[in-house]
N, C-alpha and C. Protein backbone atom coordinates (compact mmCIF):
# COMPACT_ATOMS: atom_id res chain seq x y z
N MET A 1 97.02 77.99 105.08
CA MET A 1 97.02 79.51 103.90
C MET A 1 96.31 79.15 102.71
N LYS A 2 95.44 80.12 102.62
CA LYS A 2 94.28 80.33 101.02
C LYS A 2 95.34 80.28 100.10
N ARG A 3 95.28 79.70 98.93
CA ARG A 3 95.85 80.07 97.31
C ARG A 3 95.00 80.81 96.63
N LEU A 4 95.78 82.01 96.52
CA LEU A 4 95.45 82.97 96.15
C LEU A 4 95.03 83.26 94.15
N LEU A 5 93.91 83.18 94.06
CA LEU A 5 93.96 83.21 92.52
C LEU A 5 94.69 84.16 91.42
N ASN A 6 95.07 83.79 90.76
CA ASN A 6 95.80 85.02 90.19
C ASN A 6 94.78 86.07 89.62
N SER A 7 93.66 85.77 89.10
CA SER A 7 93.06 87.12 88.71
C SER A 7 92.33 87.77 89.85
N GLU A 8 91.81 86.99 90.59
CA GLU A 8 91.78 88.18 91.86
C GLU A 8 91.89 89.54 92.36
N TYR A 9 93.66 89.91 91.65
CA TYR A 9 94.09 91.34 92.61
C TYR A 9 94.60 91.82 91.63
N LYS A 10 94.22 92.95 91.40
CA LYS A 10 94.53 93.69 90.20
C LYS A 10 96.29 94.76 90.65
N VAL A 11 97.29 94.96 90.02
CA VAL A 11 98.02 95.66 89.96
C VAL A 11 97.62 97.16 90.75
N LYS A 12 97.68 97.75 92.02
CA LYS A 12 98.07 99.21 92.29
C LYS A 12 98.97 100.16 91.84
N TYR A 13 99.98 99.07 92.42
CA TYR A 13 101.18 100.24 92.27
C TYR A 13 102.54 99.44 91.33
N TRP A 14 102.87 100.54 90.63
CA TRP A 14 103.79 99.97 89.78
C TRP A 14 104.89 100.56 89.75
N LEU A 15 106.39 100.12 89.63
CA LEU A 15 107.62 100.38 90.11
C LEU A 15 108.45 101.01 88.70
N SER A 16 108.74 102.07 89.46
CA SER A 16 109.85 102.85 88.54
C SER A 16 111.21 102.48 88.71
N LEU A 17 111.69 103.08 87.55
CA LEU A 17 113.31 102.79 87.16
C LEU A 17 113.94 102.99 88.61
N ASP A 18 113.47 104.34 89.29
CA ASP A 18 113.97 104.45 90.33
C ASP A 18 114.02 103.78 91.76
N ASP A 19 112.63 102.63 91.70
CA ASP A 19 112.70 101.60 92.53
C ASP A 19 113.85 100.53 92.55
N ILE A 20 114.10 100.01 91.16
CA ILE A 20 114.51 98.97 90.44
C ILE A 20 116.19 99.54 91.23
N TYR A 21 116.66 100.58 90.41
CA TYR A 21 117.98 101.01 91.15
C TYR A 21 117.90 101.15 92.77
N PHE A 22 116.70 102.01 92.86
CA PHE A 22 117.20 101.08 95.06
C PHE A 22 118.00 100.27 95.30
N ALA A 23 116.60 99.44 94.53
CA ALA A 23 116.91 97.98 95.02
C ALA A 23 118.10 97.65 94.91
N ILE A 24 119.23 97.98 93.39
CA ILE A 24 120.29 97.38 93.11
C ILE A 24 121.29 98.19 94.42
N ASN A 25 121.50 99.45 94.71
CA ASN A 25 122.23 100.19 95.91
C ASN A 25 121.96 99.55 97.11
N GLU A 26 120.76 98.70 97.25
CA GLU A 26 120.49 97.94 98.94
C GLU A 26 121.08 96.65 98.58
N LEU A 27 121.43 96.09 97.67
CA LEU A 27 122.36 95.04 97.36
C LEU A 27 123.49 95.31 97.27
N LYS A 28 123.92 96.64 96.95
CA LYS A 28 125.53 96.41 96.70
C LYS A 28 125.74 96.79 98.12
N GLU A 29 125.08 97.66 99.30
CA GLU A 29 124.83 98.35 100.72
C GLU A 29 124.62 96.94 101.19
N HIS A 30 124.79 95.42 101.37
CA HIS A 30 124.65 94.50 101.87
C HIS A 30 125.72 93.33 101.18
N HIS A 31 126.10 93.58 100.43
CA HIS A 31 126.84 92.52 99.42
C HIS A 31 128.02 93.43 98.84
N ASP A 32 128.65 94.39 99.57
CA ASP A 32 129.98 95.39 98.84
C ASP A 32 130.87 94.30 98.25
N SER A 33 131.29 92.97 98.80
CA SER A 33 132.42 92.44 98.03
C SER A 33 131.86 91.41 97.16
N ASP A 34 130.99 91.83 96.66
CA ASP A 34 130.08 90.86 95.85
C ASP A 34 130.07 92.01 94.56
N PRO A 35 130.62 91.74 93.06
CA PRO A 35 129.93 92.46 91.69
C PRO A 35 128.98 92.97 91.32
N ILE A 36 128.27 93.13 92.32
CA ILE A 36 126.75 93.87 91.76
C ILE A 36 126.86 95.41 90.86
N HIS A 37 127.30 95.12 89.57
CA HIS A 37 127.22 96.19 88.68
C HIS A 37 126.38 95.94 87.59
N ILE A 38 125.72 96.82 86.80
CA ILE A 38 124.94 96.47 85.80
C ILE A 38 125.79 96.48 84.59
N ILE A 39 125.20 95.58 83.46
CA ILE A 39 125.69 95.54 82.44
C ILE A 39 125.14 95.33 81.37
N HIS A 40 123.99 95.12 81.87
CA HIS A 40 122.55 95.51 80.43
C HIS A 40 121.38 96.07 81.37
N GLU A 41 121.11 96.75 80.72
CA GLU A 41 120.30 98.10 81.07
C GLU A 41 118.79 97.61 81.01
N GLU A 42 118.63 96.56 79.45
CA GLU A 42 117.78 96.45 79.17
C GLU A 42 115.91 95.50 79.99
N PRO A 43 116.86 94.64 80.88
CA PRO A 43 116.00 93.76 81.78
C PRO A 43 115.66 95.13 82.63
N LEU A 44 116.07 95.96 82.95
CA LEU A 44 116.19 97.04 84.19
C LEU A 44 114.62 97.81 83.48
N GLU A 45 115.04 97.82 82.05
CA GLU A 45 114.13 99.09 81.29
C GLU A 45 112.39 98.39 81.30
N PHE A 46 112.93 97.07 80.95
CA PHE A 46 111.71 96.26 80.52
C PHE A 46 110.49 95.95 82.27
N VAL A 47 111.71 95.71 82.57
CA VAL A 47 110.86 95.78 84.13
C VAL A 47 110.03 96.86 84.53
N ALA A 48 110.51 98.35 84.58
CA ALA A 48 109.90 99.57 84.85
C ALA A 48 109.01 100.14 83.93
N LYS A 49 109.07 99.41 83.05
CA LYS A 49 108.00 99.60 81.69
C LYS A 49 106.84 98.59 81.54
N ILE A 50 106.89 97.58 82.78
CA ILE A 50 105.66 96.62 82.22
C ILE A 50 104.66 97.13 82.09
N ARG A 51 103.99 97.81 82.28
CA ARG A 51 103.19 98.34 82.54
C ARG A 51 102.48 98.57 81.23
N CYS A 52 103.22 98.54 80.17
CA CYS A 52 102.44 98.51 78.84
C CYS A 52 102.16 97.47 78.53
N LEU A 53 102.85 96.54 79.13
CA LEU A 53 102.19 95.00 79.10
C LEU A 53 101.38 94.12 79.77
N SER A 54 100.84 94.88 80.71
CA SER A 54 99.84 94.53 81.91
C SER A 54 99.29 93.97 81.26
N SER A 55 98.11 94.31 79.97
CA SER A 55 96.96 94.28 79.31
C SER A 55 97.38 92.47 79.00
N PHE A 56 98.09 92.18 78.99
CA PHE A 56 98.45 90.91 78.57
C PHE A 56 98.99 90.41 79.47
N TYR A 57 99.18 90.30 80.32
CA TYR A 57 99.10 89.33 81.95
C TYR A 57 97.74 89.61 83.00
N GLY A 58 96.48 90.32 82.26
CA GLY A 58 95.53 90.60 82.75
C GLY A 58 95.45 91.56 83.75
N ASP A 59 96.36 92.23 84.27
CA ASP A 59 96.68 93.23 85.38
C ASP A 59 96.77 92.32 85.83
N SER A 60 97.12 91.55 86.57
CA SER A 60 97.20 90.77 87.88
C SER A 60 98.46 90.98 88.50
N VAL A 61 98.86 91.19 89.38
CA VAL A 61 99.65 91.18 90.68
C VAL A 61 100.63 90.20 90.40
N ILE A 62 100.20 88.66 90.60
CA ILE A 62 100.80 87.60 90.99
C ILE A 62 101.29 87.52 89.35
N SER A 63 100.45 87.49 87.97
CA SER A 63 101.54 87.55 86.88
C SER A 63 102.47 88.60 86.66
N ILE A 64 102.46 89.64 86.78
CA ILE A 64 103.19 90.52 86.90
C ILE A 64 104.46 90.49 87.66
N CYS A 65 104.44 89.91 88.66
CA CYS A 65 105.18 89.59 90.13
C CYS A 65 106.15 88.45 89.03
N ALA A 66 105.41 87.75 88.65
CA ALA A 66 106.35 86.13 88.57
C ALA A 66 107.17 87.27 86.98
N VAL A 67 106.97 87.93 86.05
CA VAL A 67 107.47 88.49 84.94
C VAL A 67 108.19 89.22 85.52
N LEU A 68 108.15 89.82 86.42
CA LEU A 68 109.61 91.11 87.11
C LEU A 68 110.43 89.53 87.60
N ILE A 69 110.43 89.10 88.12
CA ILE A 69 111.26 87.88 89.06
C ILE A 69 111.74 87.44 87.89
N ARG A 70 110.99 86.91 87.07
CA ARG A 70 111.87 85.69 85.82
C ARG A 70 112.49 86.75 84.87
N THR A 71 112.20 88.27 84.58
CA THR A 71 112.88 88.90 84.14
C THR A 71 114.66 89.07 84.32
N LEU A 72 114.54 89.55 85.78
CA LEU A 72 115.88 90.03 86.09
C LEU A 72 116.30 88.59 87.04
N ILE A 73 115.92 87.88 86.71
CA ILE A 73 116.64 86.58 87.21
C ILE A 73 117.62 85.55 85.65
N GLN A 74 116.58 85.46 84.63
CA GLN A 74 116.77 85.61 83.36
C GLN A 74 117.84 85.86 82.30
N ASP A 75 117.55 87.04 82.60
CA ASP A 75 117.86 88.21 81.54
C ASP A 75 119.22 89.11 81.69
N HIS A 76 120.02 88.28 82.92
CA HIS A 76 121.17 89.06 83.94
C HIS A 76 121.53 90.59 83.61
N PRO A 77 120.91 91.24 84.43
CA PRO A 77 120.82 92.93 84.07
C PRO A 77 122.25 92.88 84.92
N LEU A 78 122.58 92.47 85.57
CA LEU A 78 123.78 92.85 86.69
C LEU A 78 125.20 91.65 86.58
N GLN A 79 126.29 92.37 86.98
CA GLN A 79 127.20 90.96 86.63
C GLN A 79 127.13 90.01 87.60
N ASP A 80 126.75 89.95 89.27
CA ASP A 80 126.18 88.62 90.07
C ASP A 80 125.19 89.36 90.70
N GLY A 81 124.56 88.39 91.13
CA GLY A 81 122.98 89.04 92.28
C GLY A 81 122.10 89.44 91.57
N ASN A 82 121.90 88.69 90.08
CA ASN A 82 120.23 88.62 89.86
C ASN A 82 118.83 88.29 90.23
N LYS A 83 119.72 86.96 90.92
CA LYS A 83 118.13 86.31 91.58
C LYS A 83 118.19 87.11 92.83
N ARG A 84 118.94 87.73 93.55
CA ARG A 84 119.09 88.87 94.95
C ARG A 84 117.82 89.36 94.36
N LEU A 85 118.59 90.32 93.30
CA LEU A 85 117.74 91.17 92.58
C LEU A 85 116.33 90.88 92.04
N GLY A 86 116.18 90.05 91.52
CA GLY A 86 114.89 89.41 91.23
C GLY A 86 113.98 89.31 92.57
N VAL A 87 114.52 88.36 92.93
CA VAL A 87 113.56 88.30 94.36
C VAL A 87 113.40 89.66 95.57
N LEU A 88 114.43 90.46 95.31
CA LEU A 88 114.16 91.73 96.21
C LEU A 88 113.08 92.49 95.56
N VAL A 89 113.06 92.70 94.27
CA VAL A 89 112.26 93.48 93.64
C VAL A 89 111.04 92.59 93.24
N GLY A 90 110.60 91.63 92.88
CA GLY A 90 109.10 90.95 93.44
C GLY A 90 108.96 91.10 94.74
N THR A 91 109.68 91.11 96.11
CA THR A 91 109.18 91.52 97.22
C THR A 91 108.55 92.99 97.51
N LEU A 92 109.76 93.60 96.46
CA LEU A 92 109.20 95.33 97.17
C LEU A 92 107.44 95.05 95.97
N PHE A 93 107.62 94.64 94.91
CA PHE A 93 106.42 94.46 94.07
C PHE A 93 105.19 94.18 94.66
N LEU A 94 105.44 93.44 95.41
CA LEU A 94 104.28 92.64 96.16
C LEU A 94 103.53 93.24 97.61
N GLU A 95 104.65 93.72 98.19
CA GLU A 95 104.62 94.80 99.59
C GLU A 95 104.14 95.79 99.05
N ASN A 96 103.86 96.89 98.32
CA ASN A 96 103.76 97.82 97.74
C ASN A 96 102.18 97.24 96.87
N ASN A 97 102.07 95.97 96.64
CA ASN A 97 100.56 95.96 96.27
C ASN A 97 99.93 95.07 97.79
N GLY A 98 99.78 94.61 98.60
CA GLY A 98 99.72 94.78 99.65
C GLY A 98 99.88 93.34 99.89
N PHE A 99 100.59 93.14 99.44
CA PHE A 99 101.24 91.15 99.77
C PHE A 99 102.14 91.17 100.55
N GLU A 100 102.87 90.38 100.86
CA GLU A 100 103.56 89.38 101.74
C GLU A 100 103.88 87.90 101.16
N LEU A 101 105.66 88.02 100.81
CA LEU A 101 105.90 86.36 100.59
C LEU A 101 106.31 85.57 102.32
N VAL A 102 105.41 84.24 102.13
CA VAL A 102 105.39 83.61 103.29
C VAL A 102 106.14 82.39 102.93
N CYS A 103 107.43 82.49 102.76
CA CYS A 103 107.72 81.14 102.45
C CYS A 103 109.38 80.89 102.87
N SER A 104 109.75 80.13 103.32
CA SER A 104 111.04 79.85 104.06
C SER A 104 112.28 80.40 103.11
N ASP A 105 113.35 80.91 103.73
CA ASP A 105 114.40 80.87 102.99
C ASP A 105 114.62 80.22 101.63
N GLU A 106 114.63 78.51 102.30
CA GLU A 106 115.20 77.65 101.59
C GLU A 106 114.33 78.01 100.32
N ASP A 107 113.13 77.74 100.69
CA ASP A 107 112.16 77.69 99.15
C ASP A 107 112.36 78.42 98.28
N LEU A 108 112.45 79.67 98.97
CA LEU A 108 112.83 81.02 97.86
C LEU A 108 114.16 80.43 96.74
N PHE A 109 115.12 79.98 97.89
CA PHE A 109 116.68 80.22 97.11
C PHE A 109 116.32 79.14 95.92
N GLU A 110 115.54 77.71 96.45
CA GLU A 110 115.25 76.78 95.24
C GLU A 110 114.55 77.23 94.18
N VAL A 111 113.70 78.41 94.25
CA VAL A 111 112.44 78.61 92.92
C VAL A 111 113.98 79.72 92.30
N ALA A 112 114.54 80.26 92.94
CA ALA A 112 115.37 81.32 92.02
C ALA A 112 116.38 80.66 91.57
N ILE A 113 117.07 79.85 92.15
CA ILE A 113 117.48 78.98 91.43
C ILE A 113 117.02 77.90 90.32
N ALA A 114 115.83 77.54 90.44
CA ALA A 114 115.20 76.64 89.61
C ALA A 114 114.67 77.80 88.21
N LEU A 115 114.81 79.25 88.38
CA LEU A 115 114.25 79.68 87.72
C LEU A 115 115.41 80.06 86.92
N ALA A 116 116.75 80.17 87.35
CA ALA A 116 117.95 80.80 86.96
C ALA A 116 118.85 80.00 85.85
N SER A 117 117.88 78.62 85.97
CA SER A 117 118.60 77.18 85.50
C SER A 117 117.79 76.76 84.32
N GLY A 118 116.47 77.39 84.26
CA GLY A 118 115.36 77.07 83.27
C GLY A 118 114.70 76.19 83.14
N ASN A 119 114.86 75.34 84.60
CA ASN A 119 113.64 74.26 85.24
C ASN A 119 112.31 74.82 85.60
N MET A 120 112.19 76.22 85.80
CA MET A 120 110.65 76.78 86.27
C MET A 120 110.40 77.86 84.92
N LYS A 121 108.89 77.27 84.87
CA LYS A 121 108.96 78.30 83.78
C LYS A 121 107.87 79.45 84.63
N ARG A 122 107.05 80.76 83.44
CA ARG A 122 106.63 81.68 84.61
C ARG A 122 105.43 81.16 84.98
N GLU A 123 104.82 80.29 84.18
CA GLU A 123 103.48 79.99 84.71
C GLU A 123 103.82 79.40 86.45
N GLU A 124 104.36 78.81 86.25
CA GLU A 124 104.89 77.12 87.08
C GLU A 124 105.59 78.34 88.73
N LEU A 125 106.06 79.47 88.78
CA LEU A 125 106.14 80.62 89.53
C LEU A 125 104.99 81.45 89.90
N GLU A 126 104.04 81.66 89.09
CA GLU A 126 102.85 81.68 89.29
C GLU A 126 101.76 80.99 90.37
N ASP A 127 101.93 79.97 89.80
CA ASP A 127 101.01 79.29 90.76
C ASP A 127 102.26 79.51 92.61
N TRP A 128 103.44 78.90 92.16
CA TRP A 128 103.96 79.04 93.34
C TRP A 128 103.91 80.13 94.53
N LEU A 129 103.55 81.43 93.68
CA LEU A 129 103.26 82.61 94.25
C LEU A 129 102.25 82.73 94.59
N GLY A 130 100.99 82.00 93.90
CA GLY A 130 99.64 82.02 94.38
C GLY A 130 99.90 81.62 96.11
N ASN A 131 100.52 80.06 95.75
CA ASN A 131 100.31 79.51 96.91
C ASN A 131 100.96 80.00 98.25
N ASN A 132 102.31 80.82 97.67
CA ASN A 132 103.44 81.25 98.88
C ASN A 132 103.12 82.56 99.35
N ILE A 133 102.58 83.72 98.81
CA ILE A 133 101.55 85.03 99.29
C ILE A 133 100.29 85.22 99.98
N GLU A 134 100.64 86.08 100.84
CA GLU A 134 99.39 86.48 101.78
C GLU A 134 98.82 87.66 101.60
N ILE A 135 97.82 88.37 101.76
CA ILE A 135 97.60 90.01 102.14
C ILE A 135 97.85 90.30 103.23
N ILE A 136 98.51 91.49 103.38
CA ILE A 136 98.99 92.15 104.38
C ILE A 136 97.68 92.74 105.35
N ASP A 137 97.47 92.40 106.22
CA ASP A 137 96.55 93.50 107.19
C ASP A 137 97.29 94.56 107.57
N CYS A 138 96.60 95.41 107.20
CA CYS A 138 96.95 96.89 107.46
C CYS A 138 96.39 97.74 108.47
């Protein structure tokens, strides 16, 4: 698999707050026994407004995706399910921009745990994403 360079692909589709709430509702439906409730709105609003800071990240799909995932996992907008939400929103963002995540569930779990525990930085996540996404053939 070819490593995708961070500056190669610019964001075409931005997530809205409605997209993020849709993802939260999907988690609630699939994990109805978990307390997936919003306890902290600010990370959700930050993710929905990331376009305002996009030039800081070079408008790069990979960089922006890393920020989205890291923010949702580390800033705990939900009582439970923050890692799942980060991964789901990141995957949605990638797919909407013409990419798919190609890795095992175990690898993705390890990345989410590393982010949650503070053992992975955003830049490391960008590198990992560059090695684990492919362009979707349309």
